[in-house]
Amino acid sequence: MEIESPPVDRQVEKPDGERRGLLLVNTGDGKGKSTSAFGLALRAHGRGKAVKIYQFMKVPSARFGEHRVFEQLGVPIEGLGDGFSWKSRDLEHSAQLARDGWVRALDTINAGEHFLVVLDEIMYPLRYGWIPLEPVLAALRNRPSHVHVMLTGRGCPQELIDIADTVTEMVAVKHHYHAGVPAQRGIED
């Protein structure tokens, strides 16, 4: 590791544009997409902002760590799916759940009552063709100007990257799973 001196002068000028709702994307094959989105939700909630989280692949009855803490904090988090596709017993039913979930999320976005709406794992139903991309792009472009939307999931379509304000790609450098260490409660859920 090379030691460097800490900066003592601000090197970047502050933007002077108008504040507005942002479209944010966490994508890539690395770990941390949802975790980062949940951190953003906590930050917004901590500032007294209204937040709503939709999880496109989790079942409505899910009780993972994030569900427990968001429930304690009063942040609504809603599972819209029936689990990942390899766990589904009926892929057409899974697709219908995703479409119905998108309608719920869209209604929330359009209502304009939430500062931040998180669409966790939405890339999967987009990539599988369960939710058509064009209506999602149009809805995100035409959302109320003050609403921030965070989308997560692997394989984000380029069209969505193109309209996003901030895109972060999580890169897998090393993962314990590949060393034979299984998923652990509190880390992966």
N, C-alpha and C. Protein backbone atom coordinates (compact mmCIF):
# COMPACT_ATOMS: atom_id res chain seq x y z
N MET A 1 0.84 -1.18 0.00
CA MET A 1 0.00 0.00 0.00
C MET A 1 0.89 1.24 0.00
N GLU A 2 0.49 2.18 -0.80
CA GLU A 2 1.22 3.44 -0.86
C GLU A 2 0.50 4.46 0.02
N ILE A 3 1.25 5.11 0.88
CA ILE A 3 0.69 6.13 1.77
C ILE A 3 0.55 7.43 0.99
N GLU A 4 -0.56 8.11 1.20
CA GLU A 4 -0.77 9.39 0.52
C GLU A 4 -1.18 10.44 1.53
N SER A 5 -0.97 11.67 1.20
CA SER A 5 -1.35 12.78 2.07
C SER A 5 -2.83 13.06 1.92
N PRO A 6 -3.50 13.35 3.04
CA PRO A 6 -4.93 13.68 2.93
C PRO A 6 -5.11 15.04 2.26
N PRO A 7 -6.18 15.20 1.49
CA PRO A 7 -6.41 16.51 0.85
C PRO A 7 -6.73 17.57 1.90
N VAL A 8 -6.24 18.76 1.68
CA VAL A 8 -6.51 19.86 2.61
C VAL A 8 -7.33 20.96 1.96
N ASP A 9 -7.45 20.95 0.64
CA ASP A 9 -8.26 21.92 -0.09
C ASP A 9 -9.33 21.18 -0.87
N ARG A 10 -10.52 21.75 -0.94
CA ARG A 10 -11.59 21.15 -1.74
C ARG A 10 -11.20 21.29 -3.20
N GLN A 11 -11.13 20.17 -3.90
CA GLN A 11 -10.68 20.15 -5.28
C GLN A 11 -11.81 20.26 -6.30
N VAL A 12 -13.04 20.13 -5.83
CA VAL A 12 -14.17 20.10 -6.74
C VAL A 12 -15.11 21.26 -6.42
N GLU A 13 -15.60 21.90 -7.45
CA GLU A 13 -16.58 22.97 -7.24
C GLU A 13 -17.95 22.36 -7.04
N LYS A 14 -18.73 22.99 -6.18
CA LYS A 14 -20.08 22.53 -5.90
C LYS A 14 -20.98 22.78 -7.11
N PRO A 15 -21.79 21.78 -7.50
CA PRO A 15 -22.73 22.00 -8.61
C PRO A 15 -23.74 23.09 -8.24
N ASP A 16 -24.19 23.82 -9.23
CA ASP A 16 -25.16 24.88 -8.97
C ASP A 16 -26.52 24.59 -9.61
N GLY A 17 -26.73 23.35 -10.03
CA GLY A 17 -28.00 22.97 -10.64
C GLY A 17 -29.11 22.86 -9.62
N GLU A 18 -30.32 22.67 -10.12
CA GLU A 18 -31.50 22.54 -9.28
C GLU A 18 -31.56 21.14 -8.67
N ARG A 19 -31.95 21.08 -7.40
CA ARG A 19 -32.16 19.77 -6.76
C ARG A 19 -33.43 19.15 -7.34
N ARG A 20 -33.39 17.85 -7.58
CA ARG A 20 -34.52 17.13 -8.15
C ARG A 20 -34.42 15.67 -7.77
N GLY A 21 -35.49 14.93 -8.00
CA GLY A 21 -35.47 13.51 -7.75
C GLY A 21 -34.48 12.82 -8.68
N LEU A 22 -33.72 11.89 -8.12
CA LEU A 22 -32.69 11.19 -8.87
C LEU A 22 -33.13 9.77 -9.19
N LEU A 23 -32.61 9.26 -10.29
CA LEU A 23 -32.78 7.87 -10.67
C LEU A 23 -31.43 7.20 -10.44
N LEU A 24 -31.39 6.27 -9.48
CA LEU A 24 -30.14 5.63 -9.08
C LEU A 24 -30.21 4.13 -9.36
N VAL A 25 -29.09 3.56 -9.78
CA VAL A 25 -29.03 2.14 -10.12
C VAL A 25 -27.82 1.50 -9.45
N ASN A 26 -28.04 0.37 -8.79
CA ASN A 26 -26.96 -0.49 -8.31
C ASN A 26 -27.05 -1.79 -9.09
N THR A 27 -26.00 -2.10 -9.85
CA THR A 27 -26.01 -3.29 -10.68
C THR A 27 -24.65 -3.98 -10.58
N GLY A 28 -24.45 -5.04 -11.34
CA GLY A 28 -23.18 -5.74 -11.36
C GLY A 28 -23.25 -7.08 -10.66
N ASP A 29 -22.17 -7.85 -10.80
CA ASP A 29 -22.12 -9.21 -10.24
C ASP A 29 -21.60 -9.26 -8.81
N GLY A 30 -21.15 -8.13 -8.28
CA GLY A 30 -20.63 -8.11 -6.92
C GLY A 30 -21.73 -8.02 -5.88
N LYS A 31 -21.35 -8.31 -4.64
CA LYS A 31 -22.28 -8.25 -3.52
C LYS A 31 -22.47 -6.79 -3.09
N GLY A 32 -23.65 -6.46 -2.61
CA GLY A 32 -23.86 -5.16 -2.00
C GLY A 32 -24.89 -4.27 -2.67
N LYS A 33 -25.55 -4.73 -3.71
CA LYS A 33 -26.52 -3.89 -4.43
C LYS A 33 -27.72 -3.55 -3.53
N SER A 34 -28.35 -4.55 -3.00
CA SER A 34 -29.49 -4.33 -2.12
C SER A 34 -29.04 -3.68 -0.81
N THR A 35 -27.94 -4.16 -0.28
CA THR A 35 -27.44 -3.61 0.98
C THR A 35 -27.21 -2.11 0.88
N SER A 36 -26.64 -1.67 -0.22
CA SER A 36 -26.42 -0.24 -0.45
C SER A 36 -27.75 0.50 -0.56
N ALA A 37 -28.70 -0.08 -1.26
CA ALA A 37 -30.02 0.55 -1.41
C ALA A 37 -30.70 0.68 -0.04
N PHE A 38 -30.55 -0.33 0.81
CA PHE A 38 -31.14 -0.28 2.15
C PHE A 38 -30.45 0.80 2.99
N GLY A 39 -29.16 0.96 2.80
CA GLY A 39 -28.45 2.04 3.50
C GLY A 39 -28.97 3.41 3.08
N LEU A 40 -29.23 3.57 1.80
CA LEU A 40 -29.81 4.82 1.30
C LEU A 40 -31.19 5.05 1.90
N ALA A 41 -31.98 3.97 1.98
CA ALA A 41 -33.31 4.08 2.58
C ALA A 41 -33.21 4.50 4.04
N LEU A 42 -32.25 3.94 4.77
CA LEU A 42 -32.06 4.32 6.17
C LEU A 42 -31.64 5.78 6.29
N ARG A 43 -30.76 6.22 5.41
CA ARG A 43 -30.30 7.61 5.41
C ARG A 43 -31.50 8.55 5.20
N ALA A 44 -32.33 8.25 4.20
CA ALA A 44 -33.50 9.09 3.92
C ALA A 44 -34.48 9.07 5.10
N HIS A 45 -34.75 7.89 5.62
CA HIS A 45 -35.66 7.77 6.76
C HIS A 45 -35.11 8.54 7.96
N GLY A 46 -33.82 8.47 8.17
CA GLY A 46 -33.19 9.20 9.27
C GLY A 46 -33.34 10.70 9.15
N ARG A 47 -33.55 11.19 7.95
CA ARG A 47 -33.79 12.62 7.72
C ARG A 47 -35.28 12.96 7.72
N GLY A 48 -36.11 11.97 8.12
CA GLY A 48 -37.54 12.21 8.20
C GLY A 48 -38.27 12.13 6.88
N LYS A 49 -37.63 11.53 5.88
CA LYS A 49 -38.23 11.42 4.55
C LYS A 49 -39.04 10.13 4.44
N ALA A 50 -40.12 10.17 3.69
CA ALA A 50 -40.95 8.99 3.46
C ALA A 50 -40.27 8.06 2.46
N VAL A 51 -40.17 6.78 2.83
CA VAL A 51 -39.49 5.77 2.02
C VAL A 51 -40.41 4.56 1.87
N LYS A 52 -40.38 3.96 0.70
CA LYS A 52 -41.11 2.70 0.46
C LYS A 52 -40.18 1.78 -0.30
N ILE A 53 -40.10 0.52 0.14
CA ILE A 53 -39.22 -0.46 -0.50
C ILE A 53 -40.07 -1.60 -1.05
N TYR A 54 -39.85 -1.90 -2.32
CA TYR A 54 -40.47 -3.06 -2.96
C TYR A 54 -39.37 -4.04 -3.33
N GLN A 55 -39.58 -5.31 -3.00
CA GLN A 55 -38.63 -6.36 -3.36
C GLN A 55 -39.32 -7.30 -4.34
N PHE A 56 -38.83 -7.26 -5.58
CA PHE A 56 -39.51 -7.99 -6.65
C PHE A 56 -39.34 -9.50 -6.58
N MET A 57 -38.32 -10.00 -5.90
CA MET A 57 -38.11 -11.45 -5.87
C MET A 57 -38.45 -12.08 -4.52
N LYS A 58 -38.65 -11.28 -3.50
CA LYS A 58 -38.95 -11.82 -2.17
C LYS A 58 -40.45 -12.05 -2.03
N VAL A 59 -40.80 -13.06 -1.23
CA VAL A 59 -42.21 -13.35 -0.97
C VAL A 59 -42.76 -12.35 0.03
N PRO A 60 -44.05 -12.08 0.00
CA PRO A 60 -44.64 -11.12 0.93
C PRO A 60 -44.42 -11.49 2.40
N SER A 61 -44.29 -12.77 2.70
CA SER A 61 -44.13 -13.22 4.09
C SER A 61 -42.66 -13.28 4.53
N ALA A 62 -41.73 -12.81 3.71
CA ALA A 62 -40.30 -12.89 4.02
C ALA A 62 -39.99 -12.19 5.34
N ARG A 63 -39.08 -12.77 6.09
CA ARG A 63 -38.68 -12.21 7.39
C ARG A 63 -37.16 -12.16 7.49
N PHE A 64 -36.50 -11.67 6.43
CA PHE A 64 -35.05 -11.52 6.46
C PHE A 64 -34.69 -10.38 7.39
N GLY A 65 -33.41 -10.19 7.63
CA GLY A 65 -32.96 -9.16 8.55
C GLY A 65 -33.46 -7.78 8.20
N GLU A 66 -33.45 -7.44 6.91
CA GLU A 66 -33.91 -6.11 6.52
C GLU A 66 -35.39 -5.91 6.83
N HIS A 67 -36.20 -6.97 6.69
CA HIS A 67 -37.63 -6.85 6.99
C HIS A 67 -37.84 -6.56 8.47
N ARG A 68 -37.08 -7.25 9.30
CA ARG A 68 -37.23 -7.08 10.75
C ARG A 68 -36.88 -5.66 11.19
N VAL A 69 -35.76 -5.14 10.69
CA VAL A 69 -35.34 -3.81 11.15
C VAL A 69 -36.20 -2.71 10.54
N PHE A 70 -36.56 -2.84 9.26
CA PHE A 70 -37.41 -1.81 8.66
C PHE A 70 -38.78 -1.79 9.33
N GLU A 71 -39.28 -2.95 9.71
CA GLU A 71 -40.55 -3.00 10.44
C GLU A 71 -40.42 -2.26 11.77
N GLN A 72 -39.33 -2.49 12.49
CA GLN A 72 -39.10 -1.80 13.77
C GLN A 72 -39.03 -0.28 13.59
N LEU A 73 -38.45 0.15 12.47
CA LEU A 73 -38.28 1.57 12.21
C LEU A 73 -39.50 2.23 11.57
N GLY A 74 -40.45 1.41 11.14
CA GLY A 74 -41.64 1.97 10.50
C GLY A 74 -41.44 2.30 9.03
N VAL A 75 -40.48 1.64 8.39
CA VAL A 75 -40.24 1.82 6.95
C VAL A 75 -40.94 0.67 6.23
N PRO A 76 -41.92 0.96 5.37
CA PRO A 76 -42.62 -0.12 4.69
C PRO A 76 -41.73 -0.82 3.66
N ILE A 77 -41.68 -2.14 3.77
CA ILE A 77 -40.94 -2.99 2.83
C ILE A 77 -41.88 -4.13 2.44
N GLU A 78 -42.01 -4.34 1.14
CA GLU A 78 -43.02 -5.28 0.65
C GLU A 78 -42.43 -6.24 -0.36
N GLY A 79 -42.55 -7.53 -0.07
CA GLY A 79 -42.17 -8.56 -1.04
C GLY A 79 -43.26 -8.70 -2.07
N LEU A 80 -42.87 -8.75 -3.34
CA LEU A 80 -43.83 -8.80 -4.43
C LEU A 80 -43.80 -10.13 -5.19
N GLY A 81 -42.83 -10.97 -4.92
CA GLY A 81 -42.63 -12.16 -5.73
C GLY A 81 -42.91 -13.46 -5.01
N ASP A 82 -42.36 -14.53 -5.58
CA ASP A 82 -42.48 -15.85 -4.95
C ASP A 82 -41.12 -16.53 -4.87
N GLY A 83 -40.07 -15.73 -4.75
CA GLY A 83 -38.72 -16.28 -4.65
C GLY A 83 -38.03 -16.26 -5.99
N PHE A 84 -36.77 -16.61 -5.99
CA PHE A 84 -36.01 -16.62 -7.23
C PHE A 84 -36.52 -17.70 -8.17
N SER A 85 -36.31 -17.51 -9.45
CA SER A 85 -36.92 -18.35 -10.48
C SER A 85 -36.64 -19.83 -10.28
N TRP A 86 -35.46 -20.17 -9.79
CA TRP A 86 -35.13 -21.58 -9.61
C TRP A 86 -35.92 -22.20 -8.45
N LYS A 87 -36.58 -21.36 -7.64
CA LYS A 87 -37.41 -21.86 -6.56
C LYS A 87 -38.89 -21.87 -6.94
N SER A 88 -39.23 -21.22 -8.04
CA SER A 88 -40.62 -21.08 -8.44
C SER A 88 -41.18 -22.41 -8.95
N ARG A 89 -42.43 -22.63 -8.61
CA ARG A 89 -43.13 -23.82 -9.11
C ARG A 89 -43.93 -23.51 -10.36
N ASP A 90 -44.12 -22.21 -10.63
CA ASP A 90 -44.93 -21.79 -11.76
C ASP A 90 -44.40 -20.44 -12.25
N LEU A 91 -43.59 -20.46 -13.32
CA LEU A 91 -42.96 -19.25 -13.79
C LEU A 91 -43.96 -18.22 -14.34
N GLU A 92 -45.07 -18.70 -14.89
CA GLU A 92 -46.08 -17.73 -15.35
C GLU A 92 -46.70 -17.01 -14.16
N HIS A 93 -46.89 -17.72 -13.07
CA HIS A 93 -47.38 -17.08 -11.84
C HIS A 93 -46.34 -16.07 -11.34
N SER A 94 -45.07 -16.43 -11.38
CA SER A 94 -44.00 -15.51 -10.97
C SER A 94 -44.02 -14.25 -11.83
N ALA A 95 -44.21 -14.44 -13.13
CA ALA A 95 -44.26 -13.30 -14.05
C ALA A 95 -45.45 -12.40 -13.73
N GLN A 96 -46.59 -13.00 -13.43
CA GLN A 96 -47.78 -12.21 -13.10
C GLN A 96 -47.58 -11.44 -11.80
N LEU A 97 -46.94 -12.06 -10.82
CA LEU A 97 -46.64 -11.36 -9.57
C LEU A 97 -45.76 -10.15 -9.85
N ALA A 98 -44.77 -10.31 -10.73
CA ALA A 98 -43.88 -9.19 -11.08
C ALA A 98 -44.66 -8.07 -11.75
N ARG A 99 -45.53 -8.42 -12.68
CA ARG A 99 -46.34 -7.40 -13.36
C ARG A 99 -47.26 -6.68 -12.38
N ASP A 100 -47.91 -7.45 -11.50
CA ASP A 100 -48.77 -6.85 -10.49
C ASP A 100 -47.95 -5.97 -9.54
N GLY A 101 -46.77 -6.43 -9.20
CA GLY A 101 -45.89 -5.66 -8.32
C GLY A 101 -45.45 -4.36 -8.96
N TRP A 102 -45.17 -4.40 -10.26
CA TRP A 102 -44.80 -3.17 -10.96
C TRP A 102 -45.93 -2.15 -10.91
N VAL A 103 -47.17 -2.60 -11.06
CA VAL A 103 -48.32 -1.69 -10.99
C VAL A 103 -48.37 -1.04 -9.60
N ARG A 104 -48.14 -1.82 -8.55
CA ARG A 104 -48.14 -1.27 -7.19
C ARG A 104 -47.02 -0.23 -7.03
N ALA A 105 -45.82 -0.59 -7.49
CA ALA A 105 -44.68 0.33 -7.38
C ALA A 105 -44.92 1.59 -8.20
N LEU A 106 -45.45 1.43 -9.39
CA LEU A 106 -45.74 2.58 -10.25
C LEU A 106 -46.75 3.51 -9.59
N ASP A 107 -47.79 2.95 -8.98
CA ASP A 107 -48.77 3.78 -8.28
C ASP A 107 -48.11 4.58 -7.16
N THR A 108 -47.20 3.94 -6.44
CA THR A 108 -46.49 4.62 -5.35
C THR A 108 -45.62 5.74 -5.90
N ILE A 109 -44.87 5.46 -6.96
CA ILE A 109 -44.02 6.48 -7.56
C ILE A 109 -44.87 7.65 -8.03
N ASN A 110 -45.92 7.37 -8.78
CA ASN A 110 -46.76 8.43 -9.36
C ASN A 110 -47.52 9.23 -8.32
N ALA A 111 -47.83 8.62 -7.18
CA ALA A 111 -48.54 9.35 -6.12
C ALA A 111 -47.70 10.50 -5.58
N GLY A 112 -46.37 10.36 -5.66
CA GLY A 112 -45.49 11.44 -5.24
C GLY A 112 -45.42 11.67 -3.75
N GLU A 113 -45.89 10.73 -2.96
CA GLU A 113 -45.91 10.90 -1.50
C GLU A 113 -44.62 10.44 -0.83
N HIS A 114 -43.77 9.74 -1.58
CA HIS A 114 -42.53 9.22 -1.01
C HIS A 114 -41.33 9.94 -1.59
N PHE A 115 -40.41 10.27 -0.74
CA PHE A 115 -39.14 10.89 -1.14
C PHE A 115 -38.30 9.88 -1.93
N LEU A 116 -38.31 8.61 -1.47
CA LEU A 116 -37.51 7.55 -2.08
C LEU A 116 -38.34 6.29 -2.22
N VAL A 117 -38.31 5.72 -3.42
CA VAL A 117 -38.92 4.42 -3.67
C VAL A 117 -37.81 3.49 -4.16
N VAL A 118 -37.62 2.39 -3.45
CA VAL A 118 -36.59 1.40 -3.81
C VAL A 118 -37.27 0.26 -4.54
N LEU A 119 -36.75 -0.07 -5.73
CA LEU A 119 -37.24 -1.20 -6.52
C LEU A 119 -36.14 -2.26 -6.51
N ASP A 120 -36.09 -3.00 -5.42
CA ASP A 120 -35.03 -3.98 -5.20
C ASP A 120 -35.23 -5.21 -6.07
N GLU A 121 -34.16 -5.61 -6.73
CA GLU A 121 -34.14 -6.80 -7.59
C GLU A 121 -35.08 -6.71 -8.79
N ILE A 122 -35.38 -5.51 -9.23
CA ILE A 122 -36.27 -5.35 -10.38
C ILE A 122 -35.61 -5.79 -11.69
N MET A 123 -34.28 -5.84 -11.72
CA MET A 123 -33.61 -6.22 -12.97
C MET A 123 -33.96 -7.64 -13.40
N TYR A 124 -34.23 -8.52 -12.44
CA TYR A 124 -34.57 -9.90 -12.81
C TYR A 124 -35.85 -9.96 -13.63
N PRO A 125 -36.98 -9.42 -13.14
CA PRO A 125 -38.18 -9.48 -13.97
C PRO A 125 -38.06 -8.69 -15.27
N LEU A 126 -37.23 -7.65 -15.29
CA LEU A 126 -36.99 -6.95 -16.55
C LEU A 126 -36.24 -7.86 -17.52
N ARG A 127 -35.17 -8.48 -17.05
CA ARG A 127 -34.36 -9.35 -17.91
C ARG A 127 -35.12 -10.58 -18.39
N TYR A 128 -36.01 -11.10 -17.55
CA TYR A 128 -36.78 -12.29 -17.92
C TYR A 128 -37.94 -11.94 -18.85
N GLY A 129 -38.19 -10.66 -19.08
CA GLY A 129 -39.30 -10.25 -19.92
C GLY A 129 -40.64 -10.27 -19.21
N TRP A 130 -40.63 -10.42 -17.90
CA TRP A 130 -41.87 -10.45 -17.14
C TRP A 130 -42.49 -9.06 -17.06
N ILE A 131 -41.65 -8.05 -17.01
CA ILE A 131 -42.10 -6.66 -17.02
C ILE A 131 -41.48 -6.03 -18.26
N PRO A 132 -42.28 -5.48 -19.17
CA PRO A 132 -41.72 -4.85 -20.37
C PRO A 132 -40.88 -3.62 -20.01
N LEU A 133 -39.74 -3.47 -20.64
CA LEU A 133 -38.81 -2.40 -20.33
C LEU A 133 -39.34 -1.02 -20.71
N GLU A 134 -39.91 -0.87 -21.89
CA GLU A 134 -40.32 0.46 -22.37
C GLU A 134 -41.28 1.19 -21.44
N PRO A 135 -42.33 0.53 -20.93
CA PRO A 135 -43.21 1.25 -20.00
C PRO A 135 -42.49 1.65 -18.69
N VAL A 136 -41.53 0.84 -18.26
CA VAL A 136 -40.77 1.19 -17.06
C VAL A 136 -39.93 2.43 -17.33
N LEU A 137 -39.25 2.46 -18.48
CA LEU A 137 -38.44 3.62 -18.84
C LEU A 137 -39.31 4.88 -18.92
N ALA A 138 -40.45 4.76 -19.56
CA ALA A 138 -41.35 5.91 -19.69
C ALA A 138 -41.83 6.39 -18.32
N ALA A 139 -42.18 5.46 -17.46
CA ALA A 139 -42.67 5.82 -16.12
C ALA A 139 -41.57 6.51 -15.31
N LEU A 140 -40.36 6.02 -15.42
CA LEU A 140 -39.26 6.62 -14.67
C LEU A 140 -38.93 8.01 -15.21
N ARG A 141 -39.00 8.17 -16.52
CA ARG A 141 -38.76 9.50 -17.12
C ARG A 141 -39.83 10.51 -16.69
N ASN A 142 -41.07 10.04 -16.56
CA ASN A 142 -42.21 10.93 -16.31
C ASN A 142 -42.68 10.95 -14.86
N ARG A 143 -41.89 10.42 -13.95
CA ARG A 143 -42.28 10.39 -12.54
C ARG A 143 -42.32 11.83 -11.99
N PRO A 144 -42.99 12.03 -10.86
CA PRO A 144 -42.96 13.36 -10.25
C PRO A 144 -41.51 13.80 -10.02
N SER A 145 -41.23 15.04 -10.28
CA SER A 145 -39.84 15.52 -10.32
C SER A 145 -39.11 15.46 -8.99
N HIS A 146 -39.82 15.32 -7.88
CA HIS A 146 -39.19 15.29 -6.57
C HIS A 146 -38.94 13.87 -6.05
N VAL A 147 -39.40 12.85 -6.77
CA VAL A 147 -39.30 11.47 -6.30
C VAL A 147 -37.99 10.84 -6.75
N HIS A 148 -37.23 10.33 -5.78
CA HIS A 148 -36.00 9.58 -6.05
C HIS A 148 -36.38 8.10 -6.18
N VAL A 149 -35.77 7.41 -7.14
CA VAL A 149 -36.02 5.98 -7.32
C VAL A 149 -34.69 5.26 -7.41
N MET A 150 -34.53 4.22 -6.59
CA MET A 150 -33.33 3.38 -6.59
C MET A 150 -33.73 2.01 -7.11
N LEU A 151 -33.01 1.53 -8.14
CA LEU A 151 -33.27 0.21 -8.72
C LEU A 151 -32.04 -0.66 -8.51
N THR A 152 -32.25 -1.94 -8.20
CA THR A 152 -31.12 -2.84 -7.99
C THR A 152 -31.28 -4.11 -8.81
N GLY A 153 -30.17 -4.78 -9.00
CA GLY A 153 -30.15 -6.10 -9.62
C GLY A 153 -29.06 -6.24 -10.66
N ARG A 154 -28.66 -7.47 -10.88
CA ARG A 154 -27.64 -7.78 -11.88
C ARG A 154 -28.16 -7.52 -13.29
N GLY A 155 -27.25 -7.20 -14.18
CA GLY A 155 -27.59 -7.12 -15.60
C GLY A 155 -28.53 -6.00 -15.95
N CYS A 156 -28.29 -4.82 -15.46
CA CYS A 156 -29.14 -3.67 -15.78
C CYS A 156 -29.12 -3.40 -17.28
N PRO A 157 -30.29 -3.25 -17.90
CA PRO A 157 -30.33 -2.94 -19.33
C PRO A 157 -29.66 -1.58 -19.62
N GLN A 158 -28.98 -1.50 -20.74
CA GLN A 158 -28.29 -0.27 -21.12
C GLN A 158 -29.24 0.91 -21.20
N GLU A 159 -30.47 0.67 -21.65
CA GLU A 159 -31.44 1.74 -21.78
C GLU A 159 -31.74 2.39 -20.42
N LEU A 160 -31.73 1.59 -19.37
CA LEU A 160 -31.96 2.11 -18.03
C LEU A 160 -30.72 2.85 -17.53
N ILE A 161 -29.55 2.32 -17.83
CA ILE A 161 -28.31 3.01 -17.48
C ILE A 161 -28.28 4.39 -18.14
N ASP A 162 -28.72 4.44 -19.38
CA ASP A 162 -28.68 5.69 -20.14
C ASP A 162 -29.53 6.80 -19.51
N ILE A 163 -30.66 6.46 -18.89
CA ILE A 163 -31.52 7.51 -18.32
C ILE A 163 -31.23 7.76 -16.84
N ALA A 164 -30.44 6.90 -16.22
CA ALA A 164 -30.15 7.05 -14.78
C ALA A 164 -29.24 8.24 -14.53
N ASP A 165 -29.36 8.80 -13.33
CA ASP A 165 -28.49 9.88 -12.90
C ASP A 165 -27.20 9.34 -12.29
N THR A 166 -27.31 8.25 -11.54
CA THR A 166 -26.15 7.64 -10.89
C THR A 166 -26.25 6.14 -11.07
N VAL A 167 -25.18 5.54 -11.56
CA VAL A 167 -25.11 4.08 -11.73
C VAL A 167 -23.85 3.59 -11.05
N THR A 168 -24.01 2.62 -10.17
CA THR A 168 -22.88 1.99 -9.51
C THR A 168 -22.87 0.53 -9.91
N GLU A 169 -21.72 0.08 -10.39
CA GLU A 169 -21.57 -1.33 -10.73
C GLU A 169 -20.75 -2.01 -9.66
N MET A 170 -21.37 -2.95 -8.98
CA MET A 170 -20.68 -3.73 -7.95
C MET A 170 -19.87 -4.81 -8.67
N VAL A 171 -18.58 -4.85 -8.39
CA VAL A 171 -17.68 -5.80 -9.04
C VAL A 171 -17.25 -6.84 -8.02
N ALA A 172 -17.37 -8.10 -8.38
CA ALA A 172 -16.93 -9.18 -7.49
C ALA A 172 -15.41 -9.33 -7.62
N VAL A 173 -14.69 -8.98 -6.57
CA VAL A 173 -13.25 -9.15 -6.55
C VAL A 173 -12.91 -10.49 -5.90
N LYS A 174 -13.64 -10.80 -4.82
CA LYS A 174 -13.44 -12.04 -4.09
C LYS A 174 -14.72 -12.30 -3.31
N HIS A 175 -15.15 -13.55 -3.22
CA HIS A 175 -16.38 -13.87 -2.48
C HIS A 175 -16.17 -15.15 -1.70
N HIS A 176 -16.58 -15.13 -0.44
CA HIS A 176 -16.39 -16.29 0.44
C HIS A 176 -17.07 -17.56 -0.08
N TYR A 177 -18.15 -17.41 -0.82
CA TYR A 177 -18.87 -18.56 -1.36
C TYR A 177 -17.95 -19.42 -2.23
N HIS A 178 -17.08 -18.76 -3.00
CA HIS A 178 -16.17 -19.50 -3.89
C HIS A 178 -15.07 -20.22 -3.13
N ALA A 179 -14.90 -19.88 -1.86
CA ALA A 179 -13.94 -20.59 -1.00
C ALA A 179 -14.64 -21.68 -0.20
N GLY A 180 -15.92 -21.91 -0.50
CA GLY A 180 -16.65 -22.97 0.17
C GLY A 180 -17.37 -22.56 1.44
N VAL A 181 -17.42 -21.26 1.73
CA VAL A 181 -18.10 -20.77 2.94
C VAL A 181 -19.55 -20.45 2.56
N PRO A 182 -20.52 -21.09 3.20
CA PRO A 182 -21.92 -20.86 2.81
C PRO A 182 -22.43 -19.49 3.25
N ALA A 183 -23.61 -19.13 2.71
CA ALA A 183 -24.27 -17.88 3.08
C ALA A 183 -24.54 -17.89 4.58
N GLN A 184 -24.52 -16.70 5.17
CA GLN A 184 -24.70 -16.58 6.60
C GLN A 184 -25.76 -15.52 6.92
N ARG A 185 -26.65 -15.87 7.85
CA ARG A 185 -27.69 -14.93 8.28
C ARG A 185 -27.01 -13.69 8.86
N GLY A 186 -27.55 -12.54 8.47
CA GLY A 186 -26.99 -11.28 8.93
C GLY A 186 -25.97 -10.71 7.96
N ILE A 187 -25.49 -11.51 7.03
CA ILE A 187 -24.57 -11.06 5.98
C ILE A 187 -25.27 -11.10 4.64
N GLU A 188 -25.87 -12.23 4.31
CA GLU A 188 -26.57 -12.38 3.02
C GLU A 188 -28.06 -12.12 3.12
N ASP A 189 -28.62 -12.04 4.30
CA ASP A 189 -30.07 -11.77 4.38
C ASP A 189 -30.37 -10.68 5.34
